[in-house]
PDB file of N, CA and C in Angstrom:
ATOM      1  N   UNK A   1     118.657 109.737 140.936  1.00  0.00           N
ATOM      2  CA  UNK A   1     117.530 110.585 141.276  1.00  0.00           C
ATOM      3  C   UNK A   1     117.998 111.737 142.162  1.00  0.00           C
ATOM      4  N   UNK A   2     118.862 111.428 143.135  1.00  0.00           N
ATOM      5  CA  UNK A   2     119.386 112.464 144.027  1.00  0.00           C
ATOM      6  C   UNK A   2     120.254 113.436 143.244  1.00  0.00           C
ATOM      7  N   UNK A   3     121.061 112.903 142.309  1.00  0.00           N
ATOM      8  CA  UNK A   3     121.928 113.769 141.500  1.00  0.00           C
ATOM      9  C   UNK A   3     121.087 114.705 140.648  1.00  0.00           C
ATOM     10  N   UNK A   4     120.005 114.203 140.044  1.00  0.00           N
ATOM     11  CA  UNK A   4     119.129 115.048 139.223  1.00  0.00           C
ATOM     12  C   UNK A   4     118.497 116.142 140.078  1.00  0.00           C
ATOM     13  N   UNK A   5     118.063 115.812 141.292  1.00  0.00           N
ATOM     14  CA  UNK A   5     117.454 116.796 142.176  1.00  0.00           C
ATOM     15  C   UNK A   5     118.466 117.863 142.535  1.00  0.00           C
ATOM     16  N   UNK A   6     119.713 117.471 142.805  1.00  0.00           N
ATOM     17  CA  UNK A   6     120.760 118.431 143.149  1.00  0.00           C
ATOM     18  C   UNK A   6     121.013 119.385 141.994  1.00  0.00           C
ATOM     19  N   UNK A   7     121.065 118.872 140.774  1.00  0.00           N
ATOM     20  CA  UNK A   7     121.287 119.706 139.591  1.00  0.00           C
ATOM     21  C   UNK A   7     120.130 120.682 139.411  1.00  0.00           C
ATOM     22  N   UNK A   8     118.910 120.184 139.568  1.00  0.00           N
ATOM     23  CA  UNK A   8     117.731 121.047 139.408  1.00  0.00           C
ATOM     24  C   UNK A   8     117.717 122.106 140.511  1.00  0.00           C
ATOM     25  N   UNK A   9     118.010 121.719 141.764  1.00  0.00           N
ATOM     26  CA  UNK A   9     118.050 122.677 142.873  1.00  0.00           C
ATOM     27  C   UNK A   9     119.102 123.749 142.625  1.00  0.00           C
ATOM     28  N   UNK A  10     120.280 123.347 142.138  1.00  0.00           N
ATOM     29  CA  UNK A  10     121.352 124.301 141.848  1.00  0.00           C
ATOM     30  C   UNK A  10     120.921 125.267 140.748  1.00  0.00           C
ATOM     31  N   UNK A  11     120.316 124.752 139.704  1.00  0.00           N
ATOM     32  CA  UNK A  11     119.855 125.601 138.605  1.00  0.00           C
ATOM     33  C   UNK A  11     118.773 126.554 139.095  1.00  0.00           C
ATOM     34  N   UNK A  12     117.888 126.067 139.941  1.00  0.00           N
ATOM     35  CA  UNK A  12     116.814 126.907 140.483  1.00  0.00           C
ATOM     36  C   UNK A  12     117.404 128.018 141.355  1.00  0.00           C
ATOM     37  N   UNK A  13     118.404 127.680 142.176  1.00  0.00           N
ATOM     38  CA  UNK A  13     119.058 128.679 143.032  1.00  0.00           C
ATOM     39  C   UNK A  13     119.727 129.758 142.187  1.00  0.00           C
ATOM     40  N   UNK A  14     120.398 129.329 141.108  1.00  0.00           N
ATOM     41  CA  UNK A  14     121.054 130.304 140.223  1.00  0.00           C
ATOM     42  C   UNK A  14     120.011 131.215 139.577  1.00  0.00           C
ATOM     43  N   UNK A  15     118.897 130.622 139.170  1.00  0.00           N
ATOM     44  CA  UNK A  15     117.828 131.402 138.556  1.00  0.00           C
ATOM     45  C   UNK A  15     117.279 132.417 139.558  1.00  0.00           C
ATOM     46  N   UNK A  16     116.999 131.956 140.775  1.00  0.00           N
ATOM     47  CA  UNK A  16     116.427 132.845 141.799  1.00  0.00           C
ATOM     48  C   UNK A  16     117.380 134.001 142.107  1.00  0.00           C
ATOM     49  N   UNK A  17     118.680 133.693 142.236  1.00  0.00           N
ATOM     50  CA  UNK A  17     119.661 134.736 142.546  1.00  0.00           C
ATOM     51  C   UNK A  17     119.755 135.746 141.404  1.00  0.00           C
ATOM     52  N   UNK A  18     119.799 135.261 140.191  1.00  0.00           N
ATOM     53  CA  UNK A  18     119.903 136.165 139.038  1.00  0.00           C
ATOM     54  C   UNK A  18     118.635 137.000 138.888  1.00  0.00           C
ATOM     55  N   UNK A  19     117.485 136.391 139.114  1.00  0.00           N
ATOM     56  CA  UNK A  19     116.224 137.129 139.012  1.00  0.00           C
ATOM     57  C   UNK A  19     116.154 138.207 140.083  1.00  0.00           C
ATOM     58  N   UNK A  20     116.636 137.901 141.300  1.00  0.00           N
ATOM     59  CA  UNK A  20     116.635 138.890 142.380  1.00  0.00           C
ATOM     60  C   UNK A  20     117.537 140.058 142.026  1.00  0.00           C
ATOM     61  N   UNK A  21     118.717 139.758 141.468  1.00  0.00           N
ATOM     62  CA  UNK A  21     119.626 140.844 141.061  1.00  0.00           C
ATOM     63  C   UNK A  21     118.995 141.688 139.957  1.00  0.00           C
ATOM     64  N   UNK A  22     118.301 141.054 139.020  1.00  0.00           N
ATOM     65  CA  UNK A  22     117.672 141.794 137.926  1.00  0.00           C
ATOM     66  C   UNK A  22     116.559 142.698 138.455  1.00  0.00           C
ATOM     67  N   UNK A  23     115.789 142.195 139.398  1.00  0.00           N
ATOM     68  CA  UNK A  23     114.694 142.994 139.959  1.00  0.00           C
ATOM     69  C   UNK A  23     115.218 144.125 140.827  1.00  0.00           C
ATOM     70  N   UNK A  24     116.243 143.832 141.629  1.00  0.00           N
ATOM     71  CA  UNK A  24     116.758 144.838 142.563  1.00  0.00           C
ATOM     72  C   UNK A  24     117.520 145.938 141.837  1.00  0.00           C
ATOM     73  N   UNK A  25     118.377 145.581 140.960  1.00  0.00           N
ATOM     74  CA  UNK A  25     119.244 146.566 140.317  1.00  0.00           C
ATOM     75  C   UNK A  25     118.782 146.917 138.913  1.00  0.00           C
ATOM     76  N   UNK A  26     117.847 146.140 138.378  1.00  0.00           N
ATOM     77  CA  UNK A  26     117.376 146.320 137.008  1.00  0.00           C
ATOM     78  C   UNK A  26     118.546 146.412 136.034  1.00  0.00           C
ATOM     79  N   UNK A  27     119.455 145.450 136.188  1.00  0.00           N
ATOM     80  CA  UNK A  27     120.627 145.410 135.332  1.00  0.00           C
ATOM     81  C   UNK A  27     120.380 144.442 134.176  1.00  0.00           C
ATOM     82  N   UNK A  28     120.695 144.826 132.961  1.00  0.00           N
ATOM     83  CA  UNK A  28     120.497 143.945 131.816  1.00  0.00           C
ATOM     84  C   UNK A  28     121.305 142.655 131.918  1.00  0.00           C
ATOM     85  N   UNK A  29     122.500 142.711 132.535  1.00  0.00           N
ATOM     86  CA  UNK A  29     123.338 141.519 132.648  1.00  0.00           C
ATOM     87  C   UNK A  29     122.666 140.498 133.556  1.00  0.00           C
ATOM     88  N   UNK A  30     122.115 140.937 134.670  1.00  0.00           N
ATOM     89  CA  UNK A  30     121.448 140.027 135.591  1.00  0.00           C
ATOM     90  C   UNK A  30     120.238 139.385 134.922  1.00  0.00           C
ATOM     91  N   UNK A  31     119.540 140.136 134.098  1.00  0.00           N
ATOM     92  CA  UNK A  31     118.378 139.587 133.387  1.00  0.00           C
ATOM     93  C   UNK A  31     118.825 138.495 132.415  1.00  0.00           C
ATOM     94  N   UNK A  32     119.959 138.697 131.754  1.00  0.00           N
ATOM     95  CA  UNK A  32     120.481 137.679 130.846  1.00  0.00           C
ATOM     96  C   UNK A  32     120.858 136.426 131.618  1.00  0.00           C
ATOM     97  N   UNK A  33     121.470 136.602 132.812  1.00  0.00           N
ATOM     98  CA  UNK A  33     121.826 135.454 133.643  1.00  0.00           C
ATOM     99  C   UNK A  33     120.577 134.673 134.053  1.00  0.00           C
ATOM    100  N   UNK A  34     119.521 135.401 134.413  1.00  0.00           N
ATOM    101  CA  UNK A  34     118.275 134.740 134.818  1.00  0.00           C
ATOM    102  C   UNK A  34     117.698 133.949 133.651  1.00  0.00           C
ATOM    103  N   UNK A  35     117.763 134.507 132.458  1.00  0.00           N
ATOM    104  CA  UNK A  35     117.249 133.817 131.277  1.00  0.00           C
ATOM    105  C   UNK A  35     118.047 132.546 131.009  1.00  0.00           C
ATOM    106  N   UNK A  36     119.384 132.643 131.130  1.00  0.00           N
ATOM    107  CA  UNK A  36     120.229 131.461 130.924  1.00  0.00           C
ATOM    108  C   UNK A  36     119.933 130.392 131.964  1.00  0.00           C
ATOM    109  N   UNK A  37     119.794 130.791 133.226  1.00  0.00           N
ATOM    110  CA  UNK A  37     119.518 129.828 134.297  1.00  0.00           C
ATOM    111  C   UNK A  37     118.157 129.164 134.072  1.00  0.00           C
ATOM    112  N   UNK A  38     117.181 129.940 133.614  1.00  0.00           N
ATOM    113  CA  UNK A  38     115.859 129.372 133.341  1.00  0.00           C
ATOM    114  C   UNK A  38     115.945 128.349 132.212  1.00  0.00           C
ATOM    115  N   UNK A  39     116.756 128.646 131.208  1.00  0.00           N
ATOM    116  CA  UNK A  39     116.924 127.700 130.104  1.00  0.00           C
ATOM    117  C   UNK A  39     117.547 126.409 130.612  1.00  0.00           C
ATOM    118  N   UNK A  40     118.532 126.515 131.515  1.00  0.00           N
ATOM    119  CA  UNK A  40     119.150 125.315 132.089  1.00  0.00           C
ATOM    120  C   UNK A  40     118.145 124.511 132.887  1.00  0.00           C
ATOM    121  N   UNK A  41     117.298 125.195 133.643  1.00  0.00           N
ATOM    122  CA  UNK A  41     116.309 124.501 134.458  1.00  0.00           C
ATOM    123  C   UNK A  41     115.352 123.709 133.575  1.00  0.00           C
ATOM    124  N   UNK A  42     114.987 124.269 132.438  1.00  0.00           N
ATOM    125  CA  UNK A  42     114.042 123.563 131.573  1.00  0.00           C
ATOM    126  C   UNK A  42     114.694 122.375 130.876  1.00  0.00           C
ATOM    127  N   UNK A  43     116.018 122.402 130.719  1.00  0.00           N
ATOM    128  CA  UNK A  43     116.717 121.306 130.060  1.00  0.00           C
ATOM    129  C   UNK A  43     116.987 120.163 131.019  1.00  0.00           C
ATOM    130  N   UNK A  44     117.301 120.467 132.287  1.00  0.00           N
ATOM    131  CA  UNK A  44     117.648 119.438 133.260  1.00  0.00           C
ATOM    132  C   UNK A  44     116.370 118.753 133.722  1.00  0.00           C
ATOM    133  N   UNK A  45     116.167 117.574 133.235  1.00  0.00           N
ATOM    134  CA  UNK A  45     115.013 116.776 133.644  1.00  0.00           C
ATOM    135  C   UNK A  45     115.487 115.369 133.926  1.00  0.00           C
ATOM    136  N   UNK A  46     114.667 114.642 134.622  1.00  0.00           N
ATOM    137  CA  UNK A  46     115.015 113.257 134.912  1.00  0.00           C
ATOM    138  C   UNK A  46     114.894 112.453 133.627  1.00  0.00           C
ATOM    139  N   UNK A  47     115.864 111.576 133.410  1.00  0.00           N
ATOM    140  CA  UNK A  47     115.850 110.737 132.214  1.00  0.00           C
ATOM    141  C   UNK A  47     114.596 109.869 132.226  1.00  0.00           C
ATOM    142  N   UNK A  48     113.919 109.769 131.082  1.00  0.00           N
ATOM    143  CA  UNK A  48     112.723 108.932 131.048  1.00  0.00           C
ATOM    144  C   UNK A  48     113.090 107.466 131.260  1.00  0.00           C
ATOM    145  N   UNK A  49     112.231 106.790 131.943  1.00  0.00           N
ATOM    146  CA  UNK A  49     112.452 105.363 132.136  1.00  0.00           C
ATOM    147  C   UNK A  49     111.679 104.621 131.063  1.00  0.00           C
ATOM    148  N   UNK A  50     112.338 103.693 130.445  1.00  0.00           N
ATOM    149  CA  UNK A  50     111.685 102.902 129.408  1.00  0.00           C
ATOM    150  C   UNK A  50     111.607 101.463 129.875  1.00  0.00           C
ATOM    151  N   UNK A  51     110.529 100.850 129.533  1.00  0.00           N
ATOM    152  CA  UNK A  51     110.362  99.441 129.891  1.00  0.00           C
ATOM    153  C   UNK A  51     111.335  98.616 129.068  1.00  0.00           C
ATOM    154  N   UNK A  52     111.932  97.607 129.665  1.00  0.00           N
ATOM    155  CA  UNK A  52     112.838  96.760 128.888  1.00  0.00           C
ATOM    156  C   UNK A  52     112.065  96.059 127.776  1.00  0.00           C
ATOM    157  N   UNK A  53     112.690  95.963 126.633  1.00  0.00           N
ATOM    158  CA  UNK A  53     112.022  95.304 125.518  1.00  0.00           C
ATOM    159  C   UNK A  53     112.165  93.798 125.666  1.00  0.00           C
ATOM    160  N   UNK A  54     111.105  93.118 125.361  1.00  0.00           N
ATOM    161  CA  UNK A  54     111.143  91.662 125.416  1.00  0.00           C
ATOM    162  C   UNK A  54     111.051  91.143 123.992  1.00  0.00           C
ATOM    163  N   UNK A  55     111.753  90.087 123.699  1.00  0.00           N
ATOM    164  CA  UNK A  55     111.699  89.544 122.352  1.00  0.00           C
ATOM    165  C   UNK A  55     110.293  89.046 122.019  1.00  0.00           C
ATOM    166  N   UNK A  56     109.960  89.103 120.761  1.00  0.00           N
ATOM    167  CA  UNK A  56     108.663  88.621 120.292  1.00  0.00           C
ATOM    168  C   UNK A  56     108.618  87.114 120.507  1.00  0.00           C
ATOM    169  N   UNK A  57     107.672  86.622 121.324  1.00  0.00           N
ATOM    170  CA  UNK A  57     107.626  85.186 121.592  1.00  0.00           C
ATOM    171  C   UNK A  57     107.056  84.375 120.425  1.00  0.00           C
ATOM    172  N   UNK A  58     106.432  85.055 119.484  1.00  0.00           N
ATOM    173  CA  UNK A  58     105.852  84.325 118.360  1.00  0.00           C
ATOM    174  C   UNK A  58     106.949  83.938 117.372  1.00  0.00           C
ATOM    175  N   UNK A  59     106.612  83.094 116.427  1.00  0.00           N
ATOM    176  CA  UNK A  59     107.590  82.669 115.415  1.00  0.00           C
ATOM    177  C   UNK A  59     108.118  83.863 114.635  1.00  0.00           C
ATOM    178  N   UNK A  60     107.313  84.927 114.510  1.00  0.00           N
ATOM    179  CA  UNK A  60     107.735  86.105 113.730  1.00  0.00           C
ATOM    180  C   UNK A  60     108.970  86.777 114.328  1.00  0.00           C
ATOM    181  N   UNK A  61     109.153  86.637 115.636  1.00  0.00           N
ATOM    182  CA  UNK A  61     110.326  87.206 116.280  1.00  0.00           C
ATOM    183  C   UNK A  61     111.563  86.338 116.144  1.00  0.00           C
ATOM    184  N   UNK A  62     111.365  85.102 115.683  1.00  0.00           N
ATOM    185  CA  UNK A  62     112.485  84.154 115.638  1.00  0.00           C
ATOM    186  C   UNK A  62     112.803  83.641 114.246  1.00  0.00           C
ATOM    187  N   UNK A  63     111.832  83.682 113.339  1.00  0.00           N
ATOM    188  CA  UNK A  63     112.018  83.099 112.003  1.00  0.00           C
ATOM    189  C   UNK A  63     111.583  84.077 110.921  1.00  0.00           C
ATOM    190  N   UNK A  64     112.190  83.909 109.759  1.00  0.00           N
ATOM    191  CA  UNK A  64     111.794  84.656 108.563  1.00  0.00           C
ATOM    192  C   UNK A  64     111.164  83.667 107.591  1.00  0.00           C
ATOM    193  N   UNK A  65     109.971  83.988 107.110  1.00  0.00           N
ATOM    194  CA  UNK A  65     109.249  83.110 106.179  1.00  0.00           C
ATOM    195  C   UNK A  65     109.668  83.407 104.739  1.00  0.00           C
ATOM    196  N   UNK A  66     109.897  82.346 103.989  1.00  0.00           N
ATOM    197  CA  UNK A  66     110.242  82.454 102.556  1.00  0.00           C
ATOM    198  C   UNK A  66     109.216  81.623 101.792  1.00  0.00           C
ATOM    199  N   UNK A  67     108.317  82.309 101.086  1.00  0.00           N
ATOM    200  CA  UNK A  67     107.251  81.604 100.383  1.00  0.00           C
ATOM    201  C   UNK A  67     107.772  80.878  99.155  1.00  0.00           C
ATOM    202  N   UNK A  68     107.130  79.751  98.879  1.00  0.00           N
ATOM    203  CA  UNK A  68     107.467  78.902  97.733  1.00  0.00           C
ATOM    204  C   UNK A  68     108.938  78.481  97.733  1.00  0.00           C
ATOM    205  N   UNK A  69     109.462  78.222  98.918  1.00  0.00           N
ATOM    206  CA  UNK A  69     110.846  77.762  99.054  1.00  0.00           C
ATOM    207  C   UNK A  69     110.843  76.513  99.933  1.00  0.00           C
ATOM    208  N   UNK A  70     111.825  75.649  99.748  1.00  0.00           N
ATOM    209  CA  UNK A  70     111.939  74.434 100.547  1.00  0.00           C
ATOM    210  C   UNK A  70     113.374  73.923 100.468  1.00  0.00           C
ATOM    211  N   UNK A  71     113.640  72.862 101.200  1.00  0.00           N
ATOM    212  CA  UNK A  71     114.964  72.241 101.207  1.00  0.00           C
ATOM    213  C   UNK A  71     114.774  70.765 100.889  1.00  0.00           C
ATOM    214  N   UNK A  72     115.327  70.290  99.761  1.00  0.00           N
ATOM    215  CA  UNK A  72     115.193  68.880  99.376  1.00  0.00           C
ATOM    216  C   UNK A  72     115.983  67.969 100.317  1.00  0.00           C
ATOM    217  N   UNK A  73     115.350  66.885 100.736  1.00  0.00           N
ATOM    218  CA  UNK A  73     116.054  65.788 101.391  1.00  0.00           C
ATOM    219  C   UNK A  73     116.508  66.003 102.822  1.00  0.00           C
ATOM    220  N   UNK A  74     115.890  66.920 103.561  1.00  0.00           N
ATOM    221  CA  UNK A  74     116.357  67.184 104.915  1.00  0.00           C
ATOM    222  C   UNK A  74     115.243  67.154 105.962  1.00  0.00           C
ATOM    223  N   UNK A  75     114.096  66.519 105.638  1.00  0.00           N
ATOM    224  CA  UNK A  75     113.006  66.417 106.615  1.00  0.00           C
ATOM    225  C   UNK A  75     113.425  65.529 107.786  1.00  0.00           C
ATOM    226  N   UNK A  76     113.212  66.008 108.990  1.00  0.00           N
ATOM    227  CA  UNK A  76     113.437  65.187 110.180  1.00  0.00           C
ATOM    228  C   UNK A  76     112.197  64.339 110.478  1.00  0.00           C
ATOM    229  N   UNK A  77     111.032  64.898 110.243  1.00  0.00           N
ATOM    230  CA  UNK A  77     109.746  64.228 110.459  1.00  0.00           C
ATOM    231  C   UNK A  77     108.667  65.122 109.854  1.00  0.00           C
ATOM    232  N   UNK A  78     107.442  64.623 109.793  1.00  0.00           N
ATOM    233  CA  UNK A  78     106.296  65.389 109.296  1.00  0.00           C
ATOM    234  C   UNK A  78     105.146  65.171 110.267  1.00  0.00           C
ATOM    235  N   UNK A  79     104.506  66.268 110.695  1.00  0.00           N
ATOM    236  CA  UNK A  79     103.351  66.155 111.580  1.00  0.00           C
ATOM    237  C   UNK A  79     102.451  67.369 111.403  1.00  0.00           C
ATOM    238  N   UNK A  80     101.191  67.235 111.791  1.00  0.00           N
ATOM    239  CA  UNK A  80     100.218  68.326 111.705  1.00  0.00           C
ATOM    240  C   UNK A  80     100.461  69.314 112.844  1.00  0.00           C
ATOM    241  N   UNK A  81     100.498  70.592 112.513  1.00  0.00           N
ATOM    242  CA  UNK A  81     100.718  71.636 113.520  1.00  0.00           C
ATOM    243  C   UNK A  81     100.462  73.003 112.896  1.00  0.00           C
ATOM    244  N   UNK A  82     100.308  74.002 113.746  1.00  0.00           N
ATOM    245  CA  UNK A  82     100.257  75.388 113.269  1.00  0.00           C
ATOM    246  C   UNK A  82     101.699  75.855 113.047  1.00  0.00           C
ATOM    247  N   UNK A  83     101.861  76.998 112.402  1.00  0.00           N
ATOM    248  CA  UNK A  83     103.204  77.548 112.198  1.00  0.00           C
ATOM    249  C   UNK A  83     103.857  77.816 113.560  1.00  0.00           C
ATOM    250  N   UNK A  84     103.088  78.352 114.509  1.00  0.00           N
ATOM    251  CA  UNK A  84     103.633  78.628 115.840  1.00  0.00           C
ATOM    252  C   UNK A  84     104.097  77.345 116.524  1.00  0.00           C
ATOM    253  N   UNK A  85     103.278  76.297 116.459  1.00  0.00           N
ATOM    254  CA  UNK A  85     103.654  75.015 117.073  1.00  0.00           C
ATOM    255  C   UNK A  85     104.890  74.425 116.399  1.00  0.00           C
ATOM    256  N   UNK A  86     104.964  74.594 115.109  1.00  0.00           N
ATOM    257  CA  UNK A  86     106.115  74.098 114.361  1.00  0.00           C
ATOM    258  C   UNK A  86     107.389  74.838 114.794  1.00  0.00           C
ATOM    259  N   UNK A  87     107.302  76.160 114.933  1.00  0.00           N
ATOM    260  CA  UNK A  87     108.449  76.955 115.376  1.00  0.00           C
ATOM    261  C   UNK A  87     108.871  76.542 116.785  1.00  0.00           C
ATOM    262  N   UNK A  88     107.894  76.356 117.674  1.00  0.00           N
ATOM    263  CA  UNK A  88     108.201  75.947 119.040  1.00  0.00           C
ATOM    264  C   UNK A  88     108.874  74.577 119.059  1.00  0.00           C
ATOM    265  N   UNK A  89     108.378  73.649 118.224  1.00  0.00           N
ATOM    266  CA  UNK A  89     108.958  72.308 118.139  1.00  0.00           C
ATOM    267  C   UNK A  89     110.406  72.386 117.648  1.00  0.00           C
ATOM    268  N   UNK A  90     110.637  73.196 116.643  1.00  0.00           N
ATOM    269  CA  UNK A  90     111.982  73.332 116.084  1.00  0.00           C
ATOM    270  C   UNK A  90     112.939  73.918 117.123  1.00  0.00           C
ATOM    271  N   UNK A  91     112.461  74.882 117.891  1.00  0.00           N
ATOM    272  CA  UNK A  91     113.305  75.490 118.922  1.00  0.00           C
ATOM    273  C   UNK A  91     113.729  74.478 119.987  1.00  0.00           C
ATOM    274  N   UNK A  92     112.896  73.495 120.239  1.00  0.00           N
ATOM    275  CA  UNK A  92     113.174  72.501 121.285  1.00  0.00           C
ATOM    276  C   UNK A  92     114.073  71.359 120.807  1.00  0.00           C
ATOM    277  N   UNK A  93     114.227  71.229 119.485  1.00  0.00           N
ATOM    278  CA  UNK A  93     114.984  70.114 118.915  1.00  0.00           C
ATOM    279  C   UNK A  93     116.319  70.631 118.380  1.00  0.00           C
ATOM    280  N   UNK A  94     117.420  70.214 118.989  1.00  0.00           N
ATOM    281  CA  UNK A  94     118.735  70.721 118.567  1.00  0.00           C
ATOM    282  C   UNK A  94     119.096  70.317 117.142  1.00  0.00           C
ATOM    283  N   UNK A  95     118.472  69.250 116.618  1.00  0.00           N
ATOM    284  CA  UNK A  95     118.742  68.823 115.237  1.00  0.00           C
ATOM    285  C   UNK A  95     118.008  69.698 114.225  1.00  0.00           C
ATOM    286  N   UNK A  96     116.979  70.403 114.672  1.00  0.00           N
ATOM    287  CA  UNK A  96     116.166  71.231 113.774  1.00  0.00           C
ATOM    288  C   UNK A  96     116.854  72.573 113.543  1.00  0.00           C
ATOM    289  N   UNK A  97     117.175  72.855 112.284  1.00  0.00           N
ATOM    290  CA  UNK A  97     117.850  74.101 111.925  1.00  0.00           C
ATOM    291  C   UNK A  97     116.947  75.055 111.159  1.00  0.00           C
ATOM    292  N   UNK A  98     115.809  74.554 110.681  1.00  0.00           N
ATOM    293  CA  UNK A  98     114.813  75.358 109.970  1.00  0.00           C
ATOM    294  C   UNK A  98     113.578  74.469 109.862  1.00  0.00           C
ATOM    295  N   UNK A  99     112.497  75.004 109.286  1.00  0.00           N
ATOM    296  CA  UNK A  99     111.348  74.134 109.048  1.00  0.00           C
ATOM    297  C   UNK A  99     110.556  74.618 107.846  1.00  0.00           C
ATOM    298  N   UNK A 100     109.869  73.663 107.234  1.00  0.00           N
ATOM    299  CA  UNK A 100     108.948  73.955 106.137  1.00  0.00           C
ATOM    300  C   UNK A 100     107.535  73.803 106.679  1.00  0.00           C
ATOM    301  N   UNK A 101     106.648  74.567 106.102  1.00  0.00           N
ATOM    302  CA  UNK A 101     105.238  74.453 106.460  1.00  0.00           C
ATOM    303  C   UNK A 101     104.467  74.298 105.162  1.00  0.00           C
ATOM    304  N   UNK A 102     103.747  73.175 105.063  1.00  0.00           N
ATOM    305  CA  UNK A 102     103.053  72.843 103.823  1.00  0.00           C
ATOM    306  C   UNK A 102     101.630  72.412 104.156  1.00  0.00           C
ATOM    307  N   UNK A 103     100.661  73.281 103.904  1.00  0.00           N
ATOM    308  CA  UNK A 103      99.245  72.930 104.071  1.00  0.00           C
ATOM    309  C   UNK A 103      98.896  72.297 105.408  1.00  0.00           C
ATOM    310  N   UNK A 104      99.410  72.827 106.506  1.00  0.00           N
ATOM    311  CA  UNK A 104      99.122  72.293 107.829  1.00  0.00           C
ATOM    312  C   UNK A 104     100.120  71.255 108.305  1.00  0.00           C
ATOM    313  N   UNK A 105     101.050  70.859 107.447  1.00  0.00           N
ATOM    314  CA  UNK A 105     102.100  69.912 107.835  1.00  0.00           C
ATOM    315  C   UNK A 105     103.365  70.672 108.236  1.00  0.00           C
ATOM    316  N   UNK A 106     103.905  70.300 109.377  1.00  0.00           N
ATOM    317  CA  UNK A 106     105.179  70.841 109.844  1.00  0.00           C
ATOM    318  C   UNK A 106     106.266  69.862 109.428  1.00  0.00           C
ATOM    319  N   UNK A 107     107.340  70.408 108.848  1.00  0.00           N
ATOM    320  CA  UNK A 107     108.458  69.579 108.392  1.00  0.00           C
ATOM    321  C   UNK A 107     109.768  70.159 108.908  1.00  0.00           C
ATOM    322  N   UNK A 108     110.149  69.803 110.126  1.00  0.00           N
ATOM    323  CA  UNK A 108     111.447  70.271 110.640  1.00  0.00           C
ATOM    324  C   UNK A 108     112.579  69.784 109.740  1.00  0.00           C
ATOM    325  N   UNK A 109     113.583  70.647 109.547  1.00  0.00           N
ATOM    326  CA  UNK A 109     114.700  70.362 108.643  1.00  0.00           C
ATOM    327  C   UNK A 109     116.017  70.314 109.414  1.00  0.00           C
ATOM    328  N   UNK A 110     116.929  69.468 108.962  1.00  0.00           N
ATOM    329  CA  UNK A 110     118.250  69.414 109.576  1.00  0.00           C
ATOM    330  C   UNK A 110     119.267  70.231 108.772  1.00  0.00           C
ATOM    331  N   UNK A 111     118.763  71.223 108.040  1.00  0.00           N
ATOM    332  CA  UNK A 111     119.617  72.086 107.226  1.00  0.00           C
ATOM    333  C   UNK A 111     118.997  73.481 107.158  1.00  0.00           C
ATOM    334  N   UNK A 112     119.846  74.456 106.897  1.00  0.00           N
ATOM    335  CA  UNK A 112     119.384  75.833 106.642  1.00  0.00           C
ATOM    336  C   UNK A 112     119.663  76.215 105.189  1.00  0.00           C
ATOM    337  N   UNK A 113     120.327  75.318 104.464  1.00  0.00           N
ATOM    338  CA  UNK A 113     120.767  75.622 103.109  1.00  0.00           C
ATOM    339  C   UNK A 113     119.619  75.491 102.113  1.00  0.00           C
ATOM    340  N   UNK A 114     119.240  76.601 101.526  1.00  0.00           N
ATOM    341  CA  UNK A 114     118.233  76.602 100.468  1.00  0.00           C
ATOM    342  C   UNK A 114     118.914  76.020  99.232  1.00  0.00           C
ATOM    343  N   UNK A 115     118.550  74.775  98.869  1.00  0.00           N
ATOM    344  CA  UNK A 115     119.231  74.106  97.758  1.00  0.00           C
ATOM    345  C   UNK A 115     118.472  74.208  96.436  1.00  0.00           C
ATOM    346  N   UNK A 116     117.735  75.303  96.292  1.00  0.00           N
ATOM    347  CA  UNK A 116     117.079  75.569  95.013  1.00  0.00           C
ATOM    348  C   UNK A 116     115.668  75.032  94.894  1.00  0.00           C
ATOM    349  N   UNK A 117     115.156  74.416  95.926  1.00  0.00           N
ATOM    350  CA  UNK A 117     113.792  73.896  95.890  1.00  0.00           C
ATOM    351  C   UNK A 117     112.817  75.076  95.897  1.00  0.00           C
ATOM    352  N   UNK A 118     111.936  75.109  94.905  1.00  0.00           N
ATOM    353  CA  UNK A 118     110.934  76.174  94.816  1.00  0.00           C
ATOM    354  C   UNK A 118     109.602  75.544  94.426  1.00  0.00           C
ATOM    355  N   UNK A 119     108.823  75.162  95.441  1.00  0.00           N
ATOM    356  CA  UNK A 119     107.534  74.531  95.196  1.00  0.00           C
ATOM    357  C   UNK A 119     106.409  75.399  95.729  1.00  0.00           C
ATOM    358  N   UNK A 120     105.400  75.603  94.909  1.00  0.00           N
ATOM    359  CA  UNK A 120     104.237  76.374  95.338  1.00  0.00           C
ATOM    360  C   UNK A 120     103.588  75.688  96.533  1.00  0.00           C
ATOM    361  N   UNK A 121     103.220  76.472  97.544  1.00  0.00           N
ATOM    362  CA  UNK A 121     102.582  75.927  98.737  1.00  0.00           C
ATOM    363  C   UNK A 121     103.549  75.532  99.826  1.00  0.00           C
ATOM    364  N   UNK A 122     104.835  75.466  99.507  1.00  0.00           N
ATOM    365  CA  UNK A 122     105.858  75.179 100.510  1.00  0.00           C
ATOM    366  C   UNK A 122     106.408  76.517 101.014  1.00  0.00           C
ATOM    367  N   UNK A 123     106.454  76.676 102.318  1.00  0.00           N
ATOM    368  CA  UNK A 123     107.047  77.872 102.901  1.00  0.00           C
ATOM    369  C   UNK A 123     108.189  77.429 103.801  1.00  0.00           C
ATOM    370  N   UNK A 124     109.332  78.047 103.594  1.00  0.00           N
ATOM    371  CA  UNK A 124     110.533  77.728 104.364  1.00  0.00           C
ATOM    372  C   UNK A 124     110.727  78.802 105.428  1.00  0.00           C
ATOM    373  N   UNK A 125     110.933  78.373 106.650  1.00  0.00           N
ATOM    374  CA  UNK A 125     111.144  79.289 107.775  1.00  0.00           C
ATOM    375  C   UNK A 125     112.578  79.140 108.273  1.00  0.00           C
ATOM    376  N   UNK A 126     113.345  80.208 108.107  1.00  0.00           N
ATOM    377  CA  UNK A 126     114.746  80.214 108.530  1.00  0.00           C
ATOM    378  C   UNK A 126     114.899  81.082 109.776  1.00  0.00           C
ATOM    379  N   UNK A 127     115.773  80.686 110.697  1.00  0.00           N
ATOM    380  CA  UNK A 127     115.985  81.483 111.904  1.00  0.00           C
ATOM    381  C   UNK A 127     116.538  82.859 111.546  1.00  0.00           C
ATOM    382  N   UNK A 128     116.168  83.844 112.324  1.00  0.00           N
ATOM    383  CA  UNK A 128     116.668  85.214 112.104  1.00  0.00           C
ATOM    384  C   UNK A 128     118.077  85.324 112.630  1.00  0.00           C
TER     385      UNK A 128
END
């Protein structure tokens, strides 16, 4: 912040000096210097501050949904849950590598390998 102020102050001083020379002597060169200094002053601004980005806490930030896909033979368990609850459960279980969601049933999987299972109503959620 101090460095930006110093740069702006320096540019402003150069502009003021060049403008004074242009007004006093009415010299075309001094007018060009004032124009250049003014251009520098308009360019030197404080860098915008941006809020740090936070990852999407929902399943959409962590998993990619694949409709009508599943993994044969890798269910860890089956229980009723929302997609969000299923994603949260999978994140907490080190054995869970992906999950299927079928009509309100959560099916955590111990595999990420899509082994060709394509069943209507089954959605496979793989980590991003």
